[in-house]
């Protein structure tokens, strides 16, 4: 039986999730954040709560935008070398969506240098935030059960097809500053007080719907979520809150009561690398279906 190491990029928020996940021996490969004149490896020296508090109150945010970059090559190589040194036969590496940057490609390229030492499978999760991290968590659980890498990767692909990240950007400021919303759409969005309901589609964050006012956008998010869950039993999915700053999350918690939405997992703050492009006014949901015995892997 192969000994399989599980790794995940820091955007998977495992370090910001409950402590039980931080003790699973999942290796974290850190994405870079450049902020306030300093360079950070995400998860080290940059507390996400303090980060979003600062973004919410910073003067002239357009001139003080945080920037991100791929993990350093030496950090990736160190993670791969460590897996070899610890006697692992294989590694499964979960990467932030390739649609959100070049990290997946870099991880894959450097993995080629290890073909004679360890078999490395790099997974484009096509997502970010704790959706990404939860895929790594489930893979670690599968590996601990003795499942092969082939079996694990098939289960992961099923979960990728049956997951959702969606939420509301309460203000358009950072989407505009970072170039995610441009020109006429940006101007009209500001004039009309548009709050887009966003989600991940083919690995990229896109507007699902454009709604007037925060309250209506949050209500619409709840409606869409209920439709996606349908009559599925809570034991067959995991649902948690995703947020940057707390202000919009408080509003979502109040609105979701009308829709009888009950999360069954603790809330997880969005990583600074992912959240800096949306700003400190995002609240929404991470949803991951768990495959039942009667559901085929190819479905």
C-alpha atoms as a PDB file:
ATOM      1  CA  UNK A   1       0.000   0.000   0.000  1.00  0.00           C
ATOM      2  CA  UNK A   2       1.387   3.397  -1.011  1.00  0.00           C
ATOM      3  CA  UNK A   3       2.121   5.982   1.634  1.00  0.00           C
ATOM      4  CA  UNK A   4       0.359   9.165   0.439  1.00  0.00           C
ATOM      5  CA  UNK A   5       1.145  12.733   1.530  1.00  0.00           C
ATOM      6  CA  UNK A   6      -1.600  15.377   1.250  1.00  0.00           C
ATOM      7  CA  UNK A   7      -0.671  19.007   0.551  1.00  0.00           C
ATOM      8  CA  UNK A   8      -2.720  22.161   0.001  1.00  0.00           C
ATOM      9  CA  UNK A   9      -1.989  25.742  -0.924  1.00  0.00           C
ATOM     10  CA  UNK A  10      -2.597  28.258   1.868  1.00  0.00           C
ATOM     11  CA  UNK A  11      -5.648  29.650   0.061  1.00  0.00           C
ATOM     12  CA  UNK A  12      -7.478  26.523   1.250  1.00  0.00           C
ATOM     13  CA  UNK A  13      -7.853  28.199   4.660  1.00  0.00           C
ATOM     14  CA  UNK A  14      -7.003  25.059   6.615  1.00  0.00           C
ATOM     15  CA  UNK A  15      -5.070  27.169   9.109  1.00  0.00           C
ATOM     16  CA  UNK A  16      -8.113  29.429   9.614  1.00  0.00           C
ATOM     17  CA  UNK A  17     -10.522  26.514  10.053  1.00  0.00           C
ATOM     18  CA  UNK A  18     -11.170  24.596  13.295  1.00  0.00           C
ATOM     19  CA  UNK A  19      -8.081  23.214  15.033  1.00  0.00           C
ATOM     20  CA  UNK A  20      -8.938  19.591  14.229  1.00  0.00           C
ATOM     21  CA  UNK A  21      -7.946  20.236  10.604  1.00  0.00           C
ATOM     22  CA  UNK A  22      -4.660  21.856  11.569  1.00  0.00           C
ATOM     23  CA  UNK A  23      -3.608  18.625  13.284  1.00  0.00           C
ATOM     24  CA  UNK A  24      -4.143  16.342  10.273  1.00  0.00           C
ATOM     25  CA  UNK A  25      -0.569  16.577   8.934  1.00  0.00           C
ATOM     26  CA  UNK A  26      -1.621  18.303   5.720  1.00  0.00           C
ATOM     27  CA  UNK A  27       1.370  20.200   4.328  1.00  0.00           C
ATOM     28  CA  UNK A  28       0.652  23.873   3.577  1.00  0.00           C
ATOM     29  CA  UNK A  29       2.317  25.529   0.568  1.00  0.00           C
ATOM     30  CA  UNK A  30       2.138  29.262   1.125  1.00  0.00           C
ATOM     31  CA  UNK A  31       1.075  31.823  -1.459  1.00  0.00           C
ATOM     32  CA  UNK A  32       2.682  35.269  -1.228  1.00  0.00           C
ATOM     33  CA  UNK A  33       0.968  38.468  -0.079  1.00  0.00           C
ATOM     34  CA  UNK A  34       2.514  41.913  -0.520  1.00  0.00           C
ATOM     35  CA  UNK A  35       0.806  44.399   1.739  1.00  0.00           C
ATOM     36  CA  UNK A  36       1.573  47.664   3.483  1.00  0.00           C
ATOM     37  CA  UNK A  37       5.176  47.587   2.294  1.00  0.00           C
ATOM     38  CA  UNK A  38       5.810  44.063   3.583  1.00  0.00           C
ATOM     39  CA  UNK A  39       6.047  40.596   2.077  1.00  0.00           C
ATOM     40  CA  UNK A  40       4.207  37.732   3.769  1.00  0.00           C
ATOM     41  CA  UNK A  41       3.925  34.007   3.300  1.00  0.00           C
ATOM     42  CA  UNK A  42       0.203  33.592   3.774  1.00  0.00           C
ATOM     43  CA  UNK A  43      -0.601  32.250   7.225  1.00  0.00           C
ATOM     44  CA  UNK A  44       2.558  33.647   8.779  1.00  0.00           C
ATOM     45  CA  UNK A  45       2.460  37.094  10.397  1.00  0.00           C
ATOM     46  CA  UNK A  46      -0.728  38.234   8.666  1.00  0.00           C
ATOM     47  CA  UNK A  47      -3.871  37.638  10.706  1.00  0.00           C
ATOM     48  CA  UNK A  48      -6.916  37.630   8.398  1.00  0.00           C
ATOM     49  CA  UNK A  49      -9.197  39.361  10.915  1.00  0.00           C
ATOM     50  CA  UNK A  50      -6.737  42.218  11.361  1.00  0.00           C
ATOM     51  CA  UNK A  51      -6.133  42.276   7.610  1.00  0.00           C
ATOM     52  CA  UNK A  52      -9.808  42.788   6.741  1.00  0.00           C
ATOM     53  CA  UNK A  53     -10.280  45.284   9.565  1.00  0.00           C
ATOM     54  CA  UNK A  54      -7.466  47.312   8.053  1.00  0.00           C
ATOM     55  CA  UNK A  55      -8.890  47.085   4.514  1.00  0.00           C
ATOM     56  CA  UNK A  56     -12.232  48.361   5.792  1.00  0.00           C
ATOM     57  CA  UNK A  57     -10.745  51.468   7.380  1.00  0.00           C
ATOM     58  CA  UNK A  58      -7.712  52.240   5.222  1.00  0.00           C
ATOM     59  CA  UNK A  59      -7.521  55.708   3.718  1.00  0.00           C
ATOM     60  CA  UNK A  60      -7.098  55.820  -0.060  1.00  0.00           C
ATOM     61  CA  UNK A  61      -7.418  52.027  -0.565  1.00  0.00           C
ATOM     62  CA  UNK A  62      -6.936  52.347  -4.323  1.00  0.00           C
ATOM     63  CA  UNK A  63      -3.339  53.462  -3.723  1.00  0.00           C
ATOM     64  CA  UNK A  64      -2.690  50.833  -1.051  1.00  0.00           C
ATOM     65  CA  UNK A  65      -3.953  47.636  -2.628  1.00  0.00           C
ATOM     66  CA  UNK A  66      -2.537  44.320  -1.435  1.00  0.00           C
ATOM     67  CA  UNK A  67      -0.947  42.194  -4.142  1.00  0.00           C
ATOM     68  CA  UNK A  68      -0.439  38.452  -4.374  1.00  0.00           C
ATOM     69  CA  UNK A  69       1.997  36.106  -6.043  1.00  0.00           C
ATOM     70  CA  UNK A  70       2.538  32.390  -6.498  1.00  0.00           C
ATOM     71  CA  UNK A  71       4.345  30.354  -3.847  1.00  0.00           C
ATOM     72  CA  UNK A  72       8.103  30.692  -3.980  1.00  0.00           C
ATOM     73  CA  UNK A  73       9.875  27.892  -5.837  1.00  0.00           C
ATOM     74  CA  UNK A  74      12.000  27.125  -2.805  1.00  0.00           C
ATOM     75  CA  UNK A  75       8.868  26.626  -0.674  1.00  0.00           C
ATOM     76  CA  UNK A  76       7.376  24.198  -3.177  1.00  0.00           C
ATOM     77  CA  UNK A  77      10.632  22.277  -3.526  1.00  0.00           C
ATOM     78  CA  UNK A  78      11.004  22.147   0.256  1.00  0.00           C
ATOM     79  CA  UNK A  79       7.524  20.595   0.571  1.00  0.00           C
ATOM     80  CA  UNK A  80       8.303  18.007  -2.106  1.00  0.00           C
ATOM     81  CA  UNK A  81      11.720  17.238  -0.585  1.00  0.00           C
ATOM     82  CA  UNK A  82      10.143  16.797   2.842  1.00  0.00           C
ATOM     83  CA  UNK A  83       7.658  14.256   1.484  1.00  0.00           C
ATOM     84  CA  UNK A  84      10.519  12.300  -0.079  1.00  0.00           C
ATOM     85  CA  UNK A  85      12.584  12.453   3.108  1.00  0.00           C
ATOM     86  CA  UNK A  86       9.622  11.209   5.166  1.00  0.00           C
ATOM     87  CA  UNK A  87       9.315   8.157   2.944  1.00  0.00           C
ATOM     88  CA  UNK A  88       6.108   8.934   1.079  1.00  0.00           C
ATOM     89  CA  UNK A  89       5.511   7.074  -2.171  1.00  0.00           C
ATOM     90  CA  UNK A  90       2.995   9.583  -3.525  1.00  0.00           C
ATOM     91  CA  UNK A  91       1.721  13.088  -2.883  1.00  0.00           C
ATOM     92  CA  UNK A  92      -1.591  14.697  -3.784  1.00  0.00           C
ATOM     93  CA  UNK A  93      -1.302  18.473  -3.932  1.00  0.00           C
ATOM     94  CA  UNK A  94      -4.453  20.616  -3.873  1.00  0.00           C
ATOM     95  CA  UNK A  95      -4.006  23.956  -5.617  1.00  0.00           C
ATOM     96  CA  UNK A  96      -6.054  27.113  -5.840  1.00  0.00           C
ATOM     97  CA  UNK A  97      -8.004  27.230  -9.110  1.00  0.00           C
ATOM     98  CA  UNK A  98      -5.832  27.673 -12.197  1.00  0.00           C
ATOM     99  CA  UNK A  99      -8.393  30.269 -13.263  1.00  0.00           C
ATOM    100  CA  UNK A 100      -7.278  32.480 -10.387  1.00  0.00           C
ATOM    101  CA  UNK A 101      -3.532  32.450 -11.009  1.00  0.00           C
ATOM    102  CA  UNK A 102      -0.492  30.426 -12.041  1.00  0.00           C
ATOM    103  CA  UNK A 103       0.056  28.405  -8.856  1.00  0.00           C
ATOM    104  CA  UNK A 104      -1.349  25.145 -10.251  1.00  0.00           C
ATOM    105  CA  UNK A 105       0.919  25.324 -13.288  1.00  0.00           C
ATOM    106  CA  UNK A 106       3.972  26.103 -11.167  1.00  0.00           C
ATOM    107  CA  UNK A 107       3.283  23.215  -8.796  1.00  0.00           C
ATOM    108  CA  UNK A 108       2.852  20.874 -11.772  1.00  0.00           C
ATOM    109  CA  UNK A 109       6.011  22.062 -13.509  1.00  0.00           C
ATOM    110  CA  UNK A 110       8.213  21.608 -10.443  1.00  0.00           C
ATOM    111  CA  UNK A 111       6.681  18.200  -9.751  1.00  0.00           C
ATOM    112  CA  UNK A 112       8.205  16.901 -12.992  1.00  0.00           C
ATOM    113  CA  UNK A 113      11.662  17.072 -11.400  1.00  0.00           C
ATOM    114  CA  UNK A 114      10.569  14.459  -8.837  1.00  0.00           C
ATOM    115  CA  UNK A 115       9.296  11.759 -11.182  1.00  0.00           C
ATOM    116  CA  UNK A 116      12.102   9.377 -10.167  1.00  0.00           C
ATOM    117  CA  UNK A 117      11.626  10.059  -6.436  1.00  0.00           C
ATOM    118  CA  UNK A 118       7.900  10.338  -5.690  1.00  0.00           C
ATOM    119  CA  UNK A 119       4.684  10.294  -7.698  1.00  0.00           C
ATOM    120  CA  UNK A 120       3.067  13.725  -7.365  1.00  0.00           C
ATOM    121  CA  UNK A 121      -0.538  14.370  -8.395  1.00  0.00           C
ATOM    122  CA  UNK A 122      -1.386  18.090  -8.593  1.00  0.00           C
ATOM    123  CA  UNK A 123      -5.132  18.792  -8.436  1.00  0.00           C
ATOM    124  CA  UNK A 124      -6.646  21.925  -9.933  1.00  0.00           C
ATOM    125  CA  UNK A 125      -9.431  22.327  -7.395  1.00  0.00           C
ATOM    126  CA  UNK A 126     -11.207  24.895  -9.609  1.00  0.00           C
ATOM    127  CA  UNK A 127     -12.047  26.729  -6.401  1.00  0.00           C
ATOM    128  CA  UNK A 128     -10.515  28.547  -3.443  1.00  0.00           C
ATOM    129  CA  UNK A 129     -11.284  29.358   0.206  1.00  0.00           C
ATOM    130  CA  UNK A 130     -12.226  26.428   2.440  1.00  0.00           C
ATOM    131  CA  UNK A 131     -13.853  24.608  -0.491  1.00  0.00           C
ATOM    132  CA  UNK A 132     -10.289  23.991  -1.629  1.00  0.00           C
ATOM    133  CA  UNK A 133      -9.179  23.073   1.863  1.00  0.00           C
ATOM    134  CA  UNK A 134     -12.083  20.706   2.451  1.00  0.00           C
ATOM    135  CA  UNK A 135     -11.106  18.708  -0.646  1.00  0.00           C
ATOM    136  CA  UNK A 136      -7.680  18.239   0.920  1.00  0.00           C
ATOM    137  CA  UNK A 137      -9.244  17.302   4.266  1.00  0.00           C
ATOM    138  CA  UNK A 138     -11.455  14.650   2.685  1.00  0.00           C
ATOM    139  CA  UNK A 139      -8.491  13.325   0.684  1.00  0.00           C
ATOM    140  CA  UNK A 140      -6.501  12.963   3.923  1.00  0.00           C
ATOM    141  CA  UNK A 141      -9.384  11.048   5.479  1.00  0.00           C
ATOM    142  CA  UNK A 142      -9.490   8.751   2.438  1.00  0.00           C
ATOM    143  CA  UNK A 143      -5.712   8.226   2.581  1.00  0.00           C
ATOM    144  CA  UNK A 144      -5.900   7.387   6.277  1.00  0.00           C
ATOM    145  CA  UNK A 145      -8.477   4.724   5.431  1.00  0.00           C
ATOM    146  CA  UNK A 146      -5.969   3.097   3.110  1.00  0.00           C
ATOM    147  CA  UNK A 147      -7.541   4.129  -0.187  1.00  0.00           C
ATOM    148  CA  UNK A 148      -5.243   4.265  -3.223  1.00  0.00           C
ATOM    149  CA  UNK A 149      -4.393   7.543  -4.935  1.00  0.00           C
ATOM    150  CA  UNK A 150      -6.493   6.463  -7.917  1.00  0.00           C
ATOM    151  CA  UNK A 151      -9.524   5.939  -5.691  1.00  0.00           C
ATOM    152  CA  UNK A 152      -8.928   9.215  -3.836  1.00  0.00           C
ATOM    153  CA  UNK A 153      -8.609  11.234  -7.038  1.00  0.00           C
ATOM    154  CA  UNK A 154     -11.854   9.785  -8.403  1.00  0.00           C
ATOM    155  CA  UNK A 155     -13.670  10.767  -5.211  1.00  0.00           C
ATOM    156  CA  UNK A 156     -12.122  14.234  -5.378  1.00  0.00           C
ATOM    157  CA  UNK A 157     -13.277  14.715  -8.961  1.00  0.00           C
ATOM    158  CA  UNK A 158     -16.822  13.793  -7.902  1.00  0.00           C
ATOM    159  CA  UNK A 159     -16.717  16.347  -5.085  1.00  0.00           C
ATOM    160  CA  UNK A 160     -15.339  19.013  -7.422  1.00  0.00           C
ATOM    161  CA  UNK A 161     -18.402  18.540  -9.608  1.00  0.00           C
ATOM    162  CA  UNK A 162     -20.696  18.784  -6.588  1.00  0.00           C
ATOM    163  CA  UNK A 163     -19.482  21.830  -4.721  1.00  0.00           C
ATOM    164  CA  UNK A 164     -20.352  25.518  -4.660  1.00  0.00           C
ATOM    165  CA  UNK A 165     -18.894  28.725  -3.369  1.00  0.00           C
ATOM    166  CA  UNK A 166     -21.258  31.680  -3.559  1.00  0.00           C
ATOM    167  CA  UNK A 167     -21.740  34.957  -1.787  1.00  0.00           C
ATOM    168  CA  UNK A 168     -22.267  38.691  -1.972  1.00  0.00           C
ATOM    169  CA  UNK A 169     -19.756  41.486  -2.374  1.00  0.00           C
ATOM    170  CA  UNK A 170     -21.360  44.166  -0.249  1.00  0.00           C
ATOM    171  CA  UNK A 171     -19.384  46.916  -1.955  1.00  0.00           C
ATOM    172  CA  UNK A 172     -17.767  47.005  -5.381  1.00  0.00           C
ATOM    173  CA  UNK A 173     -14.714  49.025  -4.351  1.00  0.00           C
ATOM    174  CA  UNK A 174     -12.080  46.289  -4.374  1.00  0.00           C
ATOM    175  CA  UNK A 175     -13.548  44.504  -7.395  1.00  0.00           C
ATOM    176  CA  UNK A 176     -13.142  47.778  -9.273  1.00  0.00           C
ATOM    177  CA  UNK A 177      -9.726  48.669  -7.855  1.00  0.00           C
ATOM    178  CA  UNK A 178      -8.380  45.220  -8.762  1.00  0.00           C
ATOM    179  CA  UNK A 179      -9.765  45.399 -12.292  1.00  0.00           C
ATOM    180  CA  UNK A 180     -12.354  42.633 -11.823  1.00  0.00           C
ATOM    181  CA  UNK A 181     -15.133  45.091 -12.682  1.00  0.00           C
ATOM    182  CA  UNK A 182     -14.337  47.721 -15.301  1.00  0.00           C
ATOM    183  CA  UNK A 183     -15.684  50.631 -17.316  1.00  0.00           C
ATOM    184  CA  UNK A 184     -19.408  51.043 -17.694  1.00  0.00           C
ATOM    185  CA  UNK A 185     -20.230  48.066 -15.466  1.00  0.00           C
ATOM    186  CA  UNK A 186     -18.210  49.585 -12.653  1.00  0.00           C
ATOM    187  CA  UNK A 187     -19.802  53.026 -13.039  1.00  0.00           C
ATOM    188  CA  UNK A 188     -23.348  51.696 -13.308  1.00  0.00           C
ATOM    189  CA  UNK A 189     -22.754  49.337 -10.404  1.00  0.00           C
ATOM    190  CA  UNK A 190     -21.758  52.224  -8.167  1.00  0.00           C
ATOM    191  CA  UNK A 191     -24.578  54.485  -9.345  1.00  0.00           C
ATOM    192  CA  UNK A 192     -27.252  51.814  -8.943  1.00  0.00           C
ATOM    193  CA  UNK A 193     -25.909  50.362  -5.696  1.00  0.00           C
ATOM    194  CA  UNK A 194     -25.440  46.946  -7.291  1.00  0.00           C
ATOM    195  CA  UNK A 195     -24.344  44.043  -5.090  1.00  0.00           C
ATOM    196  CA  UNK A 196     -23.374  41.080  -7.268  1.00  0.00           C
ATOM    197  CA  UNK A 197     -24.092  37.526  -6.172  1.00  0.00           C
ATOM    198  CA  UNK A 198     -20.812  35.846  -7.097  1.00  0.00           C
ATOM    199  CA  UNK A 199     -19.767  32.233  -7.472  1.00  0.00           C
ATOM    200  CA  UNK A 200     -17.073  30.120  -9.064  1.00  0.00           C
ATOM    201  CA  UNK A 201     -17.682  28.976 -12.619  1.00  0.00           C
ATOM    202  CA  UNK A 202     -15.042  26.924 -14.431  1.00  0.00           C
ATOM    203  CA  UNK A 203     -12.607  27.982 -11.755  1.00  0.00           C
ATOM    204  CA  UNK A 204     -13.148  31.726 -12.050  1.00  0.00           C
ATOM    205  CA  UNK A 205     -15.108  34.111  -9.819  1.00  0.00           C
ATOM    206  CA  UNK A 206     -17.977  35.527 -11.869  1.00  0.00           C
ATOM    207  CA  UNK A 207     -21.229  37.384 -11.123  1.00  0.00           C
ATOM    208  CA  UNK A 208     -24.087  34.919 -10.894  1.00  0.00           C
ATOM    209  CA  UNK A 209     -26.664  37.697 -10.695  1.00  0.00           C
ATOM    210  CA  UNK A 210     -26.604  41.460 -10.217  1.00  0.00           C
ATOM    211  CA  UNK A 211     -29.026  42.632  -7.541  1.00  0.00           C
ATOM    212  CA  UNK A 212     -29.911  46.042  -6.150  1.00  0.00           C
ATOM    213  CA  UNK A 213     -29.035  46.534  -2.451  1.00  0.00           C
ATOM    214  CA  UNK A 214     -27.218  44.255  -0.031  1.00  0.00           C
ATOM    215  CA  UNK A 215     -30.397  42.924   1.538  1.00  0.00           C
ATOM    216  CA  UNK A 216     -31.863  41.763  -1.773  1.00  0.00           C
ATOM    217  CA  UNK A 217     -28.560  40.219  -2.837  1.00  0.00           C
ATOM    218  CA  UNK A 218     -28.269  38.270   0.405  1.00  0.00           C
ATOM    219  CA  UNK A 219     -31.865  37.088   0.104  1.00  0.00           C
ATOM    220  CA  UNK A 220     -31.249  35.955  -3.461  1.00  0.00           C
ATOM    221  CA  UNK A 221     -28.139  34.090  -2.331  1.00  0.00           C
ATOM    222  CA  UNK A 222     -30.244  32.200   0.195  1.00  0.00           C
ATOM    223  CA  UNK A 223     -32.849  31.366  -2.444  1.00  0.00           C
ATOM    224  CA  UNK A 224     -30.250  29.994  -4.867  1.00  0.00           C
ATOM    225  CA  UNK A 225     -28.584  27.981  -2.109  1.00  0.00           C
ATOM    226  CA  UNK A 226     -31.882  26.361  -1.136  1.00  0.00           C
ATOM    227  CA  UNK A 227     -32.445  25.409  -4.785  1.00  0.00           C
ATOM    228  CA  UNK A 228     -28.993  23.836  -5.032  1.00  0.00           C
ATOM    229  CA  UNK A 229     -29.401  21.772  -1.865  1.00  0.00           C
ATOM    230  CA  UNK A 230     -32.931  20.688  -2.804  1.00  0.00           C
ATOM    231  CA  UNK A 231     -34.192  17.800  -0.694  1.00  0.00           C
ATOM    232  CA  UNK A 232     -30.723  16.445   0.063  1.00  0.00           C
ATOM    233  CA  UNK A 233     -30.291  15.357   3.675  1.00  0.00           C
ATOM    234  CA  UNK A 234     -27.859  17.436   5.823  1.00  0.00           C
ATOM    235  CA  UNK A 235     -25.860  14.268   6.491  1.00  0.00           C
ATOM    236  CA  UNK A 236     -25.035  14.197   2.769  1.00  0.00           C
ATOM    237  CA  UNK A 237     -23.496  17.639   2.477  1.00  0.00           C
ATOM    238  CA  UNK A 238     -21.337  20.122   4.350  1.00  0.00           C
ATOM    239  CA  UNK A 239     -22.399  23.762   4.515  1.00  0.00           C
ATOM    240  CA  UNK A 240     -20.509  26.624   6.132  1.00  0.00           C
ATOM    241  CA  UNK A 241     -20.324  30.403   6.069  1.00  0.00           C
ATOM    242  CA  UNK A 242     -17.526  32.108   4.153  1.00  0.00           C
ATOM    243  CA  UNK A 243     -16.740  35.727   4.939  1.00  0.00           C
ATOM    244  CA  UNK A 244     -14.106  38.433   4.942  1.00  0.00           C
ATOM    245  CA  UNK A 245     -15.196  41.184   7.353  1.00  0.00           C
ATOM    246  CA  UNK A 246     -17.985  40.552   9.886  1.00  0.00           C
ATOM    247  CA  UNK A 247     -20.378  43.349   8.888  1.00  0.00           C
ATOM    248  CA  UNK A 248     -22.115  41.587   5.991  1.00  0.00           C
ATOM    249  CA  UNK A 249     -22.006  38.195   7.682  1.00  0.00           C
ATOM    250  CA  UNK A 250     -24.161  39.528  10.517  1.00  0.00           C
ATOM    251  CA  UNK A 251     -26.773  40.601   7.977  1.00  0.00           C
ATOM    252  CA  UNK A 252     -26.654  37.209   6.248  1.00  0.00           C
ATOM    253  CA  UNK A 253     -27.159  35.384   9.555  1.00  0.00           C
ATOM    254  CA  UNK A 254     -30.325  37.353  10.137  1.00  0.00           C
ATOM    255  CA  UNK A 255     -31.717  36.962   6.616  1.00  0.00           C
ATOM    256  CA  UNK A 256     -31.036  33.212   6.332  1.00  0.00           C
ATOM    257  CA  UNK A 257     -33.424  32.541   9.227  1.00  0.00           C
ATOM    258  CA  UNK A 258     -36.354  33.321   6.922  1.00  0.00           C
ATOM    259  CA  UNK A 259     -35.195  30.585   4.570  1.00  0.00           C
ATOM    260  CA  UNK A 260     -34.606  28.022   7.328  1.00  0.00           C
ATOM    261  CA  UNK A 261     -30.966  27.654   6.279  1.00  0.00           C
ATOM    262  CA  UNK A 262     -28.850  25.896   8.870  1.00  0.00           C
ATOM    263  CA  UNK A 263     -25.142  25.403   8.363  1.00  0.00           C
ATOM    264  CA  UNK A 264     -23.672  22.161   9.703  1.00  0.00           C
ATOM    265  CA  UNK A 265     -20.034  23.262   9.825  1.00  0.00           C
ATOM    266  CA  UNK A 266     -18.238  26.145  11.505  1.00  0.00           C
ATOM    267  CA  UNK A 267     -17.733  29.392   9.577  1.00  0.00           C
ATOM    268  CA  UNK A 268     -14.306  29.855   7.975  1.00  0.00           C
ATOM    269  CA  UNK A 269     -12.815  33.247   7.138  1.00  0.00           C
ATOM    270  CA  UNK A 270     -11.522  33.731   3.592  1.00  0.00           C
ATOM    271  CA  UNK A 271      -7.759  33.724   3.168  1.00  0.00           C
ATOM    272  CA  UNK A 272      -6.111  37.129   2.584  1.00  0.00           C
ATOM    273  CA  UNK A 273      -4.839  36.004  -0.839  1.00  0.00           C
ATOM    274  CA  UNK A 274      -8.370  35.240  -2.034  1.00  0.00           C
ATOM    275  CA  UNK A 275     -10.170  37.943  -0.065  1.00  0.00           C
ATOM    276  CA  UNK A 276      -7.998  40.905  -1.000  1.00  0.00           C
ATOM    277  CA  UNK A 277      -9.522  40.905  -4.489  1.00  0.00           C
ATOM    278  CA  UNK A 278     -13.055  41.091  -3.086  1.00  0.00           C
ATOM    279  CA  UNK A 279     -12.492  43.335  -0.115  1.00  0.00           C
ATOM    280  CA  UNK A 280     -13.717  43.175   3.479  1.00  0.00           C
ATOM    281  CA  UNK A 281     -17.446  43.154   2.713  1.00  0.00           C
ATOM    282  CA  UNK A 282     -18.051  39.608   1.466  1.00  0.00           C
ATOM    283  CA  UNK A 283     -20.335  37.000   3.023  1.00  0.00           C
ATOM    284  CA  UNK A 284     -21.656  33.756   1.626  1.00  0.00           C
ATOM    285  CA  UNK A 285     -21.478  29.969   1.725  1.00  0.00           C
ATOM    286  CA  UNK A 286     -19.250  27.046   1.001  1.00  0.00           C
ATOM    287  CA  UNK A 287     -21.160  23.891   0.039  1.00  0.00           C
ATOM    288  CA  UNK A 288     -19.760  20.424  -0.571  1.00  0.00           C
ATOM    289  CA  UNK A 289     -21.906  17.386  -1.320  1.00  0.00           C
ATOM    290  CA  UNK A 290     -20.791  14.066   0.141  1.00  0.00           C
ATOM    291  CA  UNK A 291     -21.280  11.107  -2.183  1.00  0.00           C
ATOM    292  CA  UNK A 292     -23.837   8.565  -1.037  1.00  0.00           C
ATOM    293  CA  UNK A 293     -23.378   4.859  -1.686  1.00  0.00           C
ATOM    294  CA  UNK A 294     -26.136   4.961  -4.298  1.00  0.00           C
ATOM    295  CA  UNK A 295     -24.439   7.738  -6.301  1.00  0.00           C
ATOM    296  CA  UNK A 296     -21.989   6.630  -9.006  1.00  0.00           C
ATOM    297  CA  UNK A 297     -18.542   8.192  -9.153  1.00  0.00           C
ATOM    298  CA  UNK A 298     -19.030   9.280 -12.756  1.00  0.00           C
ATOM    299  CA  UNK A 299     -22.260  11.139 -11.942  1.00  0.00           C
END
